[in-house]
Amino acid sequence: MGTALRQTIETMALDHGNAPGPWLDDLERKLITEAKGTITQGISIDAEAESLGIGIRVLQGIIGATRSGLARKE
C-alpha cells in the first residue's frame, strides 16, 4: 500500500506544481478522517483502536516522506 499511495500522491502533486502545500494537508486530513470512520467486526475495541492508531501513523509517515521528497524538488 505504501508504494502505491506514495506514487498516487506524487502523481497528484503534478497538478499542484509538484510541490507540497495546502492540498496535501487537506488530503492527509481526509484520509485520516476516512480511516477513523471504518468499522471492523470480530475484534475487540482495544485491538481495533491499536490497529487504527498504527494505520494512521503509517499513513502519516508515508505522507510525511512524500511531503519531504516534494519539498526537496522545489
N, C-alpha and C. Protein backbone atom coordinates (compact mmCIF):
# COMPACT_ATOMS: atom_id res chain seq x y z
N MET A 1 0.81 -1.19 0.00
CA MET A 1 0.00 0.00 0.00
C MET A 1 0.86 1.26 0.00
N GLY A 2 1.95 1.25 0.74
CA GLY A 2 2.77 2.44 0.87
C GLY A 2 3.29 2.95 -0.45
N THR A 3 3.80 2.05 -1.28
CA THR A 3 4.34 2.46 -2.57
C THR A 3 3.25 3.02 -3.46
N ALA A 4 2.12 2.36 -3.49
CA ALA A 4 1.01 2.82 -4.33
C ALA A 4 0.50 4.18 -3.87
N LEU A 5 0.38 4.36 -2.56
CA LEU A 5 -0.09 5.63 -2.03
C LEU A 5 0.90 6.75 -2.36
N ARG A 6 2.17 6.47 -2.17
CA ARG A 6 3.18 7.49 -2.45
C ARG A 6 3.18 7.87 -3.94
N GLN A 7 3.09 6.87 -4.81
CA GLN A 7 3.05 7.15 -6.25
C GLN A 7 1.81 7.95 -6.62
N THR A 8 0.69 7.63 -6.00
CA THR A 8 -0.54 8.35 -6.27
C THR A 8 -0.42 9.81 -5.83
N ILE A 9 0.15 10.04 -4.66
CA ILE A 9 0.33 11.41 -4.17
C ILE A 9 1.29 12.17 -5.08
N GLU A 10 2.37 11.51 -5.51
CA GLU A 10 3.32 12.18 -6.40
C GLU A 10 2.67 12.53 -7.73
N THR A 11 1.78 11.68 -8.21
CA THR A 11 1.05 11.98 -9.45
C THR A 11 0.11 13.15 -9.23
N MET A 12 -0.57 13.18 -8.09
CA MET A 12 -1.45 14.31 -7.77
C MET A 12 -0.64 15.60 -7.65
N ALA A 13 0.58 15.50 -7.16
CA ALA A 13 1.42 16.69 -6.98
C ALA A 13 1.70 17.40 -8.30
N LEU A 14 1.69 16.66 -9.38
CA LEU A 14 1.93 17.27 -10.68
C LEU A 14 0.89 18.35 -10.98
N ASP A 15 -0.33 18.16 -10.49
CA ASP A 15 -1.39 19.15 -10.68
C ASP A 15 -1.25 20.33 -9.73
N HIS A 16 -0.28 20.25 -8.82
CA HIS A 16 -0.08 21.30 -7.82
C HIS A 16 1.36 21.83 -7.86
N GLY A 17 1.90 21.89 -9.07
CA GLY A 17 3.24 22.44 -9.23
C GLY A 17 4.34 21.55 -8.67
N ASN A 18 4.03 20.26 -8.48
CA ASN A 18 4.99 19.29 -7.95
C ASN A 18 5.58 19.75 -6.62
N ALA A 19 4.74 20.39 -5.81
CA ALA A 19 5.18 20.93 -4.53
C ALA A 19 4.14 20.61 -3.45
N PRO A 20 4.61 20.43 -2.22
CA PRO A 20 3.66 20.24 -1.13
C PRO A 20 2.93 21.55 -0.85
N GLY A 21 1.85 21.47 -0.18
CA GLY A 21 1.11 22.68 0.16
C GLY A 21 -0.21 22.32 0.81
N PRO A 22 -1.12 23.27 0.85
CA PRO A 22 -2.41 23.03 1.49
C PRO A 22 -3.17 21.84 0.91
N TRP A 23 -3.01 21.58 -0.37
CA TRP A 23 -3.68 20.44 -0.99
C TRP A 23 -3.27 19.14 -0.32
N LEU A 24 -1.99 19.02 0.05
CA LEU A 24 -1.51 17.80 0.68
C LEU A 24 -1.99 17.70 2.13
N ASP A 25 -2.05 18.84 2.80
CA ASP A 25 -2.61 18.86 4.16
C ASP A 25 -4.08 18.43 4.14
N ASP A 26 -4.83 18.94 3.16
CA ASP A 26 -6.25 18.57 3.03
C ASP A 26 -6.40 17.08 2.74
N LEU A 27 -5.58 16.56 1.87
CA LEU A 27 -5.62 15.14 1.53
C LEU A 27 -5.34 14.29 2.78
N GLU A 28 -4.33 14.68 3.53
CA GLU A 28 -3.99 13.94 4.74
C GLU A 28 -5.16 13.93 5.73
N ARG A 29 -5.77 15.09 5.93
CA ARG A 29 -6.92 15.17 6.85
C ARG A 29 -8.07 14.27 6.37
N LYS A 30 -8.33 14.30 5.07
CA LYS A 30 -9.42 13.49 4.53
C LYS A 30 -9.14 12.00 4.69
N LEU A 31 -7.92 11.59 4.41
CA LEU A 31 -7.57 10.18 4.54
C LEU A 31 -7.67 9.71 5.98
N ILE A 32 -7.22 10.53 6.92
CA ILE A 32 -7.30 10.17 8.34
C ILE A 32 -8.75 10.11 8.79
N THR A 33 -9.56 11.06 8.35
CA THR A 33 -10.98 11.06 8.70
C THR A 33 -11.66 9.80 8.17
N GLU A 34 -11.35 9.43 6.93
CA GLU A 34 -11.93 8.21 6.34
C GLU A 34 -11.48 6.97 7.12
N ALA A 35 -10.20 6.93 7.49
CA ALA A 35 -9.69 5.78 8.24
C ALA A 35 -10.40 5.65 9.59
N LYS A 36 -10.63 6.77 10.23
CA LYS A 36 -11.30 6.75 11.54
C LYS A 36 -12.76 6.32 11.41
N GLY A 37 -13.32 6.45 10.24
CA GLY A 37 -14.71 6.09 10.03
C GLY A 37 -14.93 4.63 9.66
N THR A 38 -13.85 3.85 9.62
CA THR A 38 -14.01 2.44 9.27
C THR A 38 -14.61 1.66 10.44
N ILE A 39 -15.28 0.61 10.11
CA ILE A 39 -15.90 -0.25 11.12
C ILE A 39 -15.35 -1.66 10.93
N THR A 40 -14.87 -2.25 12.00
CA THR A 40 -14.38 -3.62 11.94
C THR A 40 -15.28 -4.51 12.77
N GLN A 41 -15.26 -5.77 12.44
CA GLN A 41 -16.06 -6.73 13.19
C GLN A 41 -15.18 -7.90 13.60
N GLY A 42 -15.49 -8.46 14.73
CA GLY A 42 -14.80 -9.66 15.15
C GLY A 42 -13.52 -9.43 15.95
N ILE A 43 -13.21 -8.17 16.26
CA ILE A 43 -12.05 -7.91 17.11
C ILE A 43 -12.48 -6.98 18.25
N SER A 44 -11.70 -7.00 19.31
CA SER A 44 -12.04 -6.17 20.46
C SER A 44 -11.85 -4.69 20.13
N ILE A 45 -12.49 -3.85 20.90
CA ILE A 45 -12.35 -2.41 20.72
C ILE A 45 -10.90 -1.99 20.93
N ASP A 46 -10.23 -2.59 21.90
CA ASP A 46 -8.82 -2.26 22.15
C ASP A 46 -7.94 -2.61 20.95
N ALA A 47 -8.16 -3.79 20.38
CA ALA A 47 -7.39 -4.21 19.21
C ALA A 47 -7.69 -3.31 18.02
N GLU A 48 -8.95 -2.94 17.87
CA GLU A 48 -9.34 -2.05 16.78
C GLU A 48 -8.67 -0.68 16.94
N ALA A 49 -8.68 -0.15 18.15
CA ALA A 49 -8.06 1.16 18.40
C ALA A 49 -6.56 1.10 18.14
N GLU A 50 -5.92 0.02 18.56
CA GLU A 50 -4.48 -0.11 18.34
C GLU A 50 -4.17 -0.21 16.85
N SER A 51 -4.94 -1.02 16.15
CA SER A 51 -4.74 -1.17 14.71
C SER A 51 -4.96 0.15 13.97
N LEU A 52 -6.00 0.86 14.35
CA LEU A 52 -6.27 2.15 13.72
C LEU A 52 -5.13 3.13 13.98
N GLY A 53 -4.63 3.15 15.21
CA GLY A 53 -3.51 4.03 15.53
C GLY A 53 -2.28 3.72 14.69
N ILE A 54 -2.00 2.44 14.55
CA ILE A 54 -0.85 2.02 13.73
C ILE A 54 -1.07 2.44 12.28
N GLY A 55 -2.27 2.19 11.77
CA GLY A 55 -2.57 2.56 10.38
C GLY A 55 -2.43 4.05 10.13
N ILE A 56 -2.90 4.85 11.06
CA ILE A 56 -2.80 6.30 10.91
C ILE A 56 -1.34 6.74 10.96
N ARG A 57 -0.55 6.16 11.84
CA ARG A 57 0.88 6.52 11.91
C ARG A 57 1.60 6.13 10.62
N VAL A 58 1.25 4.99 10.05
CA VAL A 58 1.84 4.58 8.77
C VAL A 58 1.44 5.57 7.68
N LEU A 59 0.16 5.91 7.64
CA LEU A 59 -0.34 6.88 6.67
C LEU A 59 0.39 8.22 6.80
N GLN A 60 0.52 8.70 8.03
CA GLN A 60 1.22 9.98 8.26
C GLN A 60 2.69 9.87 7.86
N GLY A 61 3.29 8.72 8.09
CA GLY A 61 4.69 8.53 7.70
C GLY A 61 4.87 8.57 6.20
N ILE A 62 3.98 7.92 5.47
CA ILE A 62 4.05 7.93 4.01
C ILE A 62 3.84 9.33 3.47
N ILE A 63 2.84 10.02 3.98
CA ILE A 63 2.58 11.39 3.52
C ILE A 63 3.73 12.31 3.91
N GLY A 64 4.26 12.15 5.11
CA GLY A 64 5.39 12.97 5.54
C GLY A 64 6.62 12.77 4.67
N ALA A 65 6.91 11.52 4.34
CA ALA A 65 8.06 11.23 3.48
C ALA A 65 7.85 11.80 2.09
N THR A 66 6.63 11.68 1.59
CA THR A 66 6.32 12.22 0.26
C THR A 66 6.42 13.74 0.29
N ARG A 67 5.90 14.36 1.36
CA ARG A 67 5.97 15.82 1.50
C ARG A 67 7.43 16.27 1.49
N SER A 68 8.28 15.58 2.22
CA SER A 68 9.70 15.93 2.28
C SER A 68 10.36 15.78 0.90
N GLY A 69 10.01 14.71 0.20
CA GLY A 69 10.57 14.50 -1.13
C GLY A 69 10.15 15.60 -2.09
N LEU A 70 8.90 16.00 -2.02
CA LEU A 70 8.43 17.08 -2.89
C LEU A 70 9.11 18.41 -2.54
N ALA A 71 9.30 18.66 -1.25
CA ALA A 71 9.95 19.90 -0.82
C ALA A 71 11.38 19.97 -1.32
N ARG A 72 12.06 18.82 -1.36
CA ARG A 72 13.45 18.81 -1.85
C ARG A 72 13.52 19.10 -3.35
N LYS A 73 12.45 18.78 -4.07
CA LYS A 73 12.42 19.01 -5.51
C LYS A 73 12.21 20.48 -5.86
N GLU A 74 11.71 21.27 -4.88
CA GLU A 74 11.40 22.67 -5.16
C GLU A 74 12.66 23.46 -5.44
